């Protein structure tokens, strides 16, 4: 099962979102929150997390000790 929620603030200059993907049979999931910031017409910055949870042989649980943080800068033309 999955749930994706996204909204915008300050005329969509700030856009938080979260994606949750979970197994219905096992305790296994990916939680992916992130926030995007739009500035100077064509620039966008993003920061996010990938949080893995579950049993060691599960689809996401096998990465339980490998959660990550990422960032991105983007220019649209």
PDB file of N, CA and C in Angstrom:
ATOM      1  N   UNK A   1       0.852  -1.177   0.000  1.00  0.00           N
ATOM      2  CA  UNK A   1       0.000   0.000   0.000  1.00  0.00           C
ATOM      3  C   UNK A   1       0.891   1.231   0.000  1.00  0.00           C
ATOM      4  N   UNK A   2       0.398   2.311  -0.552  1.00  0.00           N
ATOM      5  CA  UNK A   2       1.183   3.541  -0.558  1.00  0.00           C
ATOM      6  C   UNK A   2       0.274   4.747  -0.326  1.00  0.00           C
ATOM      7  N   UNK A   3       0.892   5.778   0.254  1.00  0.00           N
ATOM      8  CA  UNK A   3       0.211   7.050   0.489  1.00  0.00           C
ATOM      9  C   UNK A   3       1.184   8.145   0.093  1.00  0.00           C
ATOM     10  N   UNK A   4       0.714   9.129  -0.688  1.00  0.00           N
ATOM     11  CA  UNK A   4       1.538  10.264  -1.087  1.00  0.00           C
ATOM     12  C   UNK A   4       0.743  11.524  -0.787  1.00  0.00           C
ATOM     13  N   UNK A   5       1.352  12.426  -0.019  1.00  0.00           N
ATOM     14  CA  UNK A   5       0.697  13.687   0.323  1.00  0.00           C
ATOM     15  C   UNK A   5       1.646  14.832  -0.011  1.00  0.00           C
ATOM     16  N   UNK A   6       1.098  15.886  -0.600  1.00  0.00           N
ATOM     17  CA  UNK A   6       1.898  17.046  -0.984  1.00  0.00           C
ATOM     18  C   UNK A   6       1.025  18.281  -0.873  1.00  0.00           C
ATOM     19  N   UNK A   7       1.631  19.378  -0.435  1.00  0.00           N
ATOM     20  CA  UNK A   7       0.912  20.645  -0.343  1.00  0.00           C
ATOM     21  C   UNK A   7       1.889  21.771  -0.633  1.00  0.00           C
ATOM     22  N   UNK A   8       1.404  22.993  -0.659  1.00  0.00           N
ATOM     23  CA  UNK A   8       2.269  24.136  -0.921  1.00  0.00           C
ATOM     24  C   UNK A   8       1.943  25.296   0.005  1.00  0.00           C
ATOM     25  N   UNK A   9       2.972  26.086   0.297  1.00  0.00           N
ATOM     26  CA  UNK A   9       2.829  27.277   1.134  1.00  0.00           C
ATOM     27  C   UNK A   9       3.495  28.459   0.434  1.00  0.00           C
ATOM     28  N   UNK A  10       3.080  29.646   0.797  1.00  0.00           N
ATOM     29  CA  UNK A  10       3.671  30.881   0.266  1.00  0.00           C
ATOM     30  C   UNK A  10       3.685  30.862  -1.260  1.00  0.00           C
ATOM     31  N   UNK A  11       2.482  30.706  -1.839  1.00  0.00           N
ATOM     32  CA  UNK A  11       2.314  30.662  -3.293  1.00  0.00           C
ATOM     33  C   UNK A  11       3.139  29.533  -3.911  1.00  0.00           C
ATOM     34  N   UNK A  12       3.167  28.404  -3.244  1.00  0.00           N
ATOM     35  CA  UNK A  12       3.886  27.182  -3.644  1.00  0.00           C
ATOM     36  C   UNK A  12       5.401  27.359  -3.726  1.00  0.00           C
ATOM     37  N   UNK A  13       5.946  28.338  -3.034  1.00  0.00           N
ATOM     38  CA  UNK A  13       7.399  28.496  -2.966  1.00  0.00           C
ATOM     39  C   UNK A  13       8.016  27.427  -2.062  1.00  0.00           C
ATOM     40  N   UNK A  14       7.235  26.915  -1.123  1.00  0.00           N
ATOM     41  CA  UNK A  14       7.671  25.827  -0.245  1.00  0.00           C
ATOM     42  C   UNK A  14       6.671  24.685  -0.414  1.00  0.00           C
ATOM     43  N   UNK A  15       7.175  23.516  -0.789  1.00  0.00           N
ATOM     44  CA  UNK A  15       6.299  22.368  -1.029  1.00  0.00           C
ATOM     45  C   UNK A  15       6.771  21.142  -0.244  1.00  0.00           C
ATOM     46  N   UNK A  16       6.185  20.899   0.923  1.00  0.00           N
ATOM     47  CA  UNK A  16       6.507  19.657   1.639  1.00  0.00           C
ATOM     48  C   UNK A  16       5.702  18.489   1.059  1.00  0.00           C
ATOM     49  N   UNK A  17       6.300  17.316   1.099  1.00  0.00           N
ATOM     50  CA  UNK A  17       5.576  16.118   0.670  1.00  0.00           C
ATOM     51  C   UNK A  17       6.121  14.901   1.404  1.00  0.00           C
ATOM     52  N   UNK A  18       5.319  13.863   1.420  1.00  0.00           N
ATOM     53  CA  UNK A  18       5.739  12.612   2.043  1.00  0.00           C
ATOM     54  C   UNK A  18       5.150  11.455   1.239  1.00  0.00           C
ATOM     55  N   UNK A  19       5.956  10.432   1.066  1.00  0.00           N
ATOM     56  CA  UNK A  19       5.544   9.194   0.422  1.00  0.00           C
ATOM     57  C   UNK A  19       5.812   8.062   1.409  1.00  0.00           C
ATOM     58  N   UNK A  20       4.815   7.232   1.633  1.00  0.00           N
ATOM     59  CA  UNK A  20       4.955   6.060   2.511  1.00  0.00           C
ATOM     60  C   UNK A  20       4.530   4.835   1.710  1.00  0.00           C
ATOM     61  N   UNK A  21       5.433   3.865   1.611  1.00  0.00           N
ATOM     62  CA  UNK A  21       5.145   2.607   0.934  1.00  0.00           C
ATOM     63  C   UNK A  21       5.320   1.507   1.963  1.00  0.00           C
ATOM     64  N   UNK A  22       4.297   0.664   2.103  1.00  0.00           N
ATOM     65  CA  UNK A  22       4.329  -0.363   3.133  1.00  0.00           C
ATOM     66  C   UNK A  22       3.787  -1.677   2.592  1.00  0.00           C
ATOM     67  N   UNK A  23       4.368  -2.757   3.056  1.00  0.00           N
ATOM     68  CA  UNK A  23       3.865  -4.085   2.729  1.00  0.00           C
ATOM     69  C   UNK A  23       2.622  -4.364   3.560  1.00  0.00           C
ATOM     70  N   UNK A  24       1.656  -5.023   2.974  1.00  0.00           N
ATOM     71  CA  UNK A  24       0.454  -5.397   3.722  1.00  0.00           C
ATOM     72  C   UNK A  24       0.643  -6.723   4.462  1.00  0.00           C
ATOM     73  N   UNK A  25       1.685  -7.466   4.104  1.00  0.00           N
ATOM     74  CA  UNK A  25       1.908  -8.771   4.714  1.00  0.00           C
ATOM     75  C   UNK A  25       2.975  -8.766   5.797  1.00  0.00           C
ATOM     76  N   UNK A  26       3.948  -7.862   5.682  1.00  0.00           N
ATOM     77  CA  UNK A  26       5.053  -7.818   6.638  1.00  0.00           C
ATOM     78  C   UNK A  26       5.203  -6.397   7.169  1.00  0.00           C
ATOM     79  N   UNK A  27       5.942  -6.262   8.258  1.00  0.00           N
ATOM     80  CA  UNK A  27       6.271  -4.929   8.756  1.00  0.00           C
ATOM     81  C   UNK A  27       7.485  -4.443   7.976  1.00  0.00           C
ATOM     82  N   UNK A  28       7.243  -3.861   6.819  1.00  0.00           N
ATOM     83  CA  UNK A  28       8.288  -3.459   5.899  1.00  0.00           C
ATOM     84  C   UNK A  28       7.831  -2.175   5.224  1.00  0.00           C
ATOM     85  N   UNK A  29       8.640  -1.097   5.315  1.00  0.00           N
ATOM     86  CA  UNK A  29       8.183   0.154   4.718  1.00  0.00           C
ATOM     87  C   UNK A  29       9.317   1.099   4.367  1.00  0.00           C
ATOM     88  N   UNK A  30       8.984   2.019   3.462  1.00  0.00           N
ATOM     89  CA  UNK A  30       9.835   3.129   3.093  1.00  0.00           C
ATOM     90  C   UNK A  30       9.070   4.397   3.414  1.00  0.00           C
ATOM     91  N   UNK A  31       9.709   5.316   4.129  1.00  0.00           N
ATOM     92  CA  UNK A  31       9.124   6.619   4.437  1.00  0.00           C
ATOM     93  C   UNK A  31      10.027   7.650   3.783  1.00  0.00           C
ATOM     94  N   UNK A  32       9.474   8.486   2.902  1.00  0.00           N
ATOM     95  CA  UNK A  32      10.283   9.429   2.129  1.00  0.00           C
ATOM     96  C   UNK A  32       9.714  10.856   2.239  1.00  0.00           C
ATOM     97  N   UNK A  33      10.075  11.585   3.297  1.00  0.00           N
ATOM     98  CA  UNK A  33       9.680  12.992   3.379  1.00  0.00           C
ATOM     99  C   UNK A  33      10.682  13.871   2.625  1.00  0.00           C
ATOM    100  N   UNK A  34      10.191  14.968   2.048  1.00  0.00           N
ATOM    101  CA  UNK A  34      11.079  15.938   1.409  1.00  0.00           C
ATOM    102  C   UNK A  34      10.409  17.297   1.346  1.00  0.00           C
ATOM    103  N   UNK A  35      11.218  18.329   1.198  1.00  0.00           N
ATOM    104  CA  UNK A  35      10.729  19.699   1.090  1.00  0.00           C
ATOM    105  C   UNK A  35      11.442  20.359  -0.081  1.00  0.00           C
ATOM    106  N   UNK A  36      10.664  21.008  -0.946  1.00  0.00           N
ATOM    107  CA  UNK A  36      11.206  21.752  -2.079  1.00  0.00           C
ATOM    108  C   UNK A  36      11.024  23.240  -1.834  1.00  0.00           C
ATOM    109  N   UNK A  37      12.028  24.008  -2.223  1.00  0.00           N
ATOM    110  CA  UNK A  37      12.002  25.467  -2.093  1.00  0.00           C
ATOM    111  C   UNK A  37      12.236  26.068  -3.478  1.00  0.00           C
ATOM    112  N   UNK A  38      11.296  26.881  -3.956  1.00  0.00           N
ATOM    113  CA  UNK A  38      11.454  27.546  -5.251  1.00  0.00           C
ATOM    114  C   UNK A  38      11.867  28.992  -5.003  1.00  0.00           C
ATOM    115  N   UNK A  39      12.865  29.453  -5.776  1.00  0.00           N
ATOM    116  CA  UNK A  39      13.329  30.818  -5.615  1.00  0.00           C
ATOM    117  C   UNK A  39      13.923  31.324  -6.926  1.00  0.00           C
ATOM    118  N   UNK A  40      13.960  32.634  -7.079  1.00  0.00           N
ATOM    119  CA  UNK A  40      14.557  33.293  -8.255  1.00  0.00           C
ATOM    120  C   UNK A  40      14.036  32.719  -9.565  1.00  0.00           C
ATOM    121  N   UNK A  41      12.747  32.694  -9.759  1.00  0.00           N
ATOM    122  CA  UNK A  41      12.048  32.275 -10.977  1.00  0.00           C
ATOM    123  C   UNK A  41      12.303  30.829 -11.408  1.00  0.00           C
ATOM    124  N   UNK A  42      13.539  30.448 -11.666  1.00  0.00           N
ATOM    125  CA  UNK A  42      13.800  29.149 -12.266  1.00  0.00           C
ATOM    126  C   UNK A  42      14.619  28.205 -11.400  1.00  0.00           C
ATOM    127  N   UNK A  43      14.927  28.587 -10.199  1.00  0.00           N
ATOM    128  CA  UNK A  43      15.750  27.757  -9.304  1.00  0.00           C
ATOM    129  C   UNK A  43      14.881  27.014  -8.304  1.00  0.00           C
ATOM    130  N   UNK A  44      15.315  25.817  -7.967  1.00  0.00           N
ATOM    131  CA  UNK A  44      14.626  25.019  -6.959  1.00  0.00           C
ATOM    132  C   UNK A  44      15.661  24.236  -6.161  1.00  0.00           C
ATOM    133  N   UNK A  45      15.478  24.175  -4.860  1.00  0.00           N
ATOM    134  CA  UNK A  45      16.319  23.362  -3.979  1.00  0.00           C
ATOM    135  C   UNK A  45      15.418  22.357  -3.282  1.00  0.00           C
ATOM    136  N   UNK A  46      15.962  21.190  -3.004  1.00  0.00           N
ATOM    137  CA  UNK A  46      15.176  20.137  -2.365  1.00  0.00           C
ATOM    138  C   UNK A  46      16.063  19.416  -1.364  1.00  0.00           C
ATOM    139  N   UNK A  47      15.461  19.049  -0.237  1.00  0.00           N
ATOM    140  CA  UNK A  47      16.137  18.215   0.757  1.00  0.00           C
ATOM    141  C   UNK A  47      15.159  17.114   1.163  1.00  0.00           C
ATOM    142  N   UNK A  48      15.684  15.908   1.361  1.00  0.00           N
ATOM    143  CA  UNK A  48      14.798  14.809   1.691  1.00  0.00           C
ATOM    144  C   UNK A  48      15.502  13.695   2.439  1.00  0.00           C
ATOM    145  N   UNK A  49      14.704  12.757   2.875  1.00  0.00           N
ATOM    146  CA  UNK A  49      15.182  11.573   3.606  1.00  0.00           C
ATOM    147  C   UNK A  49      14.576  10.325   2.980  1.00  0.00           C
ATOM    148  N   UNK A  50      15.322   9.246   3.034  1.00  0.00           N
ATOM    149  CA  UNK A  50      14.782   7.922   2.740  1.00  0.00           C
ATOM    150  C   UNK A  50      14.980   7.104   4.005  1.00  0.00           C
ATOM    151  N   UNK A  51      13.878   6.717   4.626  1.00  0.00           N
ATOM    152  CA  UNK A  51      13.918   5.969   5.879  1.00  0.00           C
ATOM    153  C   UNK A  51      13.369   4.568   5.599  1.00  0.00           C
ATOM    154  N   UNK A  52      14.211   3.561   5.788  1.00  0.00           N
ATOM    155  CA  UNK A  52      13.835   2.176   5.549  1.00  0.00           C
ATOM    156  C   UNK A  52      13.580   1.484   6.884  1.00  0.00           C
ATOM    157  N   UNK A  53      12.496   0.729   6.960  1.00  0.00           N
ATOM    158  CA  UNK A  53      12.127   0.006   8.174  1.00  0.00           C
ATOM    159  C   UNK A  53      11.646  -1.386   7.799  1.00  0.00           C
ATOM    160  N   UNK A  54      11.905  -2.348   8.682  1.00  0.00           N
ATOM    161  CA  UNK A  54      11.346  -3.669   8.475  1.00  0.00           C
ATOM    162  C   UNK A  54      12.288  -4.793   8.836  1.00  0.00           C
ATOM    163  N   UNK A  55      11.850  -5.997   8.504  1.00  0.00           N
ATOM    164  CA  UNK A  55      12.621  -7.198   8.791  1.00  0.00           C
ATOM    165  C   UNK A  55      13.824  -7.284   7.856  1.00  0.00           C
ATOM    166  N   UNK A  56      14.870  -7.972   8.281  1.00  0.00           N
ATOM    167  CA  UNK A  56      16.145  -7.967   7.549  1.00  0.00           C
ATOM    168  C   UNK A  56      16.061  -8.602   6.162  1.00  0.00           C
ATOM    169  N   UNK A  57      15.081  -9.451   5.915  1.00  0.00           N
ATOM    170  CA  UNK A  57      14.963 -10.048   4.579  1.00  0.00           C
ATOM    171  C   UNK A  57      13.817  -9.437   3.771  1.00  0.00           C
ATOM    172  N   UNK A  58      13.256  -8.316   4.234  1.00  0.00           N
ATOM    173  CA  UNK A  58      12.172  -7.659   3.525  1.00  0.00           C
ATOM    174  C   UNK A  58      12.672  -6.743   2.423  1.00  0.00           C
ATOM    175  N   UNK A  59      11.774  -6.326   1.556  1.00  0.00           N
ATOM    176  CA  UNK A  59      12.120  -5.460   0.441  1.00  0.00           C
ATOM    177  C   UNK A  59      12.814  -4.182   0.906  1.00  0.00           C
ATOM    178  N   UNK A  60      12.264  -3.508   1.918  1.00  0.00           N
ATOM    179  CA  UNK A  60      12.870  -2.287   2.446  1.00  0.00           C
ATOM    180  C   UNK A  60      13.697  -2.551   3.702  1.00  0.00           C
ATOM    181  N   UNK A  61      13.300  -3.528   4.500  1.00  0.00           N
ATOM    182  CA  UNK A  61      13.996  -3.822   5.748  1.00  0.00           C
ATOM    183  C   UNK A  61      15.452  -4.215   5.561  1.00  0.00           C
ATOM    184  N   UNK A  62      15.786  -4.778   4.400  1.00  0.00           N
ATOM    185  CA  UNK A  62      17.183  -5.157   4.145  1.00  0.00           C
ATOM    186  C   UNK A  62      18.100  -3.933   4.122  1.00  0.00           C
ATOM    187  N   UNK A  63      17.521  -2.736   3.959  1.00  0.00           N
ATOM    188  CA  UNK A  63      18.292  -1.495   3.960  1.00  0.00           C
ATOM    189  C   UNK A  63      18.105  -0.694   5.251  1.00  0.00           C
ATOM    190  N   UNK A  64      17.592  -1.344   6.293  1.00  0.00           N
ATOM    191  CA  UNK A  64      17.243  -0.659   7.544  1.00  0.00           C
ATOM    192  C   UNK A  64      18.393   0.170   8.116  1.00  0.00           C
ATOM    193  N   UNK A  65      19.620  -0.294   7.977  1.00  0.00           N
ATOM    194  CA  UNK A  65      20.781   0.446   8.501  1.00  0.00           C
ATOM    195  C   UNK A  65      21.383   1.397   7.469  1.00  0.00           C
ATOM    196  N   UNK A  66      20.674   1.633   6.363  1.00  0.00           N
ATOM    197  CA  UNK A  66      21.216   2.452   5.288  1.00  0.00           C
ATOM    198  C   UNK A  66      20.286   3.612   4.932  1.00  0.00           C
ATOM    199  N   UNK A  67      19.630   4.203   5.935  1.00  0.00           N
ATOM    200  CA  UNK A  67      18.806   5.390   5.685  1.00  0.00           C
ATOM    201  C   UNK A  67      19.699   6.468   5.086  1.00  0.00           C
ATOM    202  N   UNK A  68      19.102   7.406   4.353  1.00  0.00           N
ATOM    203  CA  UNK A  68      19.934   8.433   3.722  1.00  0.00           C
ATOM    204  C   UNK A  68      19.254   9.789   3.716  1.00  0.00           C
ATOM    205  N   UNK A  69      20.093  10.796   3.598  1.00  0.00           N
ATOM    206  CA  UNK A  69      19.674  12.187   3.446  1.00  0.00           C
ATOM    207  C   UNK A  69      20.212  12.649   2.105  1.00  0.00           C
ATOM    208  N   UNK A  70      19.428  13.396   1.357  1.00  0.00           N
ATOM    209  CA  UNK A  70      19.918  13.901   0.080  1.00  0.00           C
ATOM    210  C   UNK A  70      19.467  15.342  -0.125  1.00  0.00           C
ATOM    211  N   UNK A  71      20.178  16.020  -1.013  1.00  0.00           N
ATOM    212  CA  UNK A  71      19.785  17.379  -1.401  1.00  0.00           C
ATOM    213  C   UNK A  71      19.975  17.513  -2.906  1.00  0.00           C
ATOM    214  N   UNK A  72      19.306  18.527  -3.451  1.00  0.00           N
ATOM    215  CA  UNK A  72      19.301  18.716  -4.900  1.00  0.00           C
ATOM    216  C   UNK A  72      19.143  20.201  -5.191  1.00  0.00           C
ATOM    217  N   UNK A  73      19.827  20.668  -6.191  1.00  0.00           N
ATOM    218  CA  UNK A  73      19.629  22.030  -6.704  1.00  0.00           C
ATOM    219  C   UNK A  73      19.278  21.887  -8.181  1.00  0.00           C
ATOM    220  N   UNK A  74      18.286  22.656  -8.625  1.00  0.00           N
ATOM    221  CA  UNK A  74      17.817  22.504  -9.998  1.00  0.00           C
ATOM    222  C   UNK A  74      17.566  23.860 -10.623  1.00  0.00           C
ATOM    223  N   UNK A  75      17.936  23.996 -11.881  1.00  0.00           N
ATOM    224  CA  UNK A  75      17.657  25.185 -12.662  1.00  0.00           C
ATOM    225  C   UNK A  75      16.861  24.764 -13.893  1.00  0.00           C
ATOM    226  N   UNK A  76      15.663  25.312 -14.078  1.00  0.00           N
ATOM    227  CA  UNK A  76      14.819  24.987 -15.225  1.00  0.00           C
ATOM    228  C   UNK A  76      14.985  26.041 -16.311  1.00  0.00           C
ATOM    229  N   UNK A  77      15.166  25.579 -17.533  1.00  0.00           N
ATOM    230  CA  UNK A  77      15.273  26.514 -18.648  1.00  0.00           C
ATOM    231  C   UNK A  77      14.437  26.044 -19.822  1.00  0.00           C
TER     232      UNK A  77
END
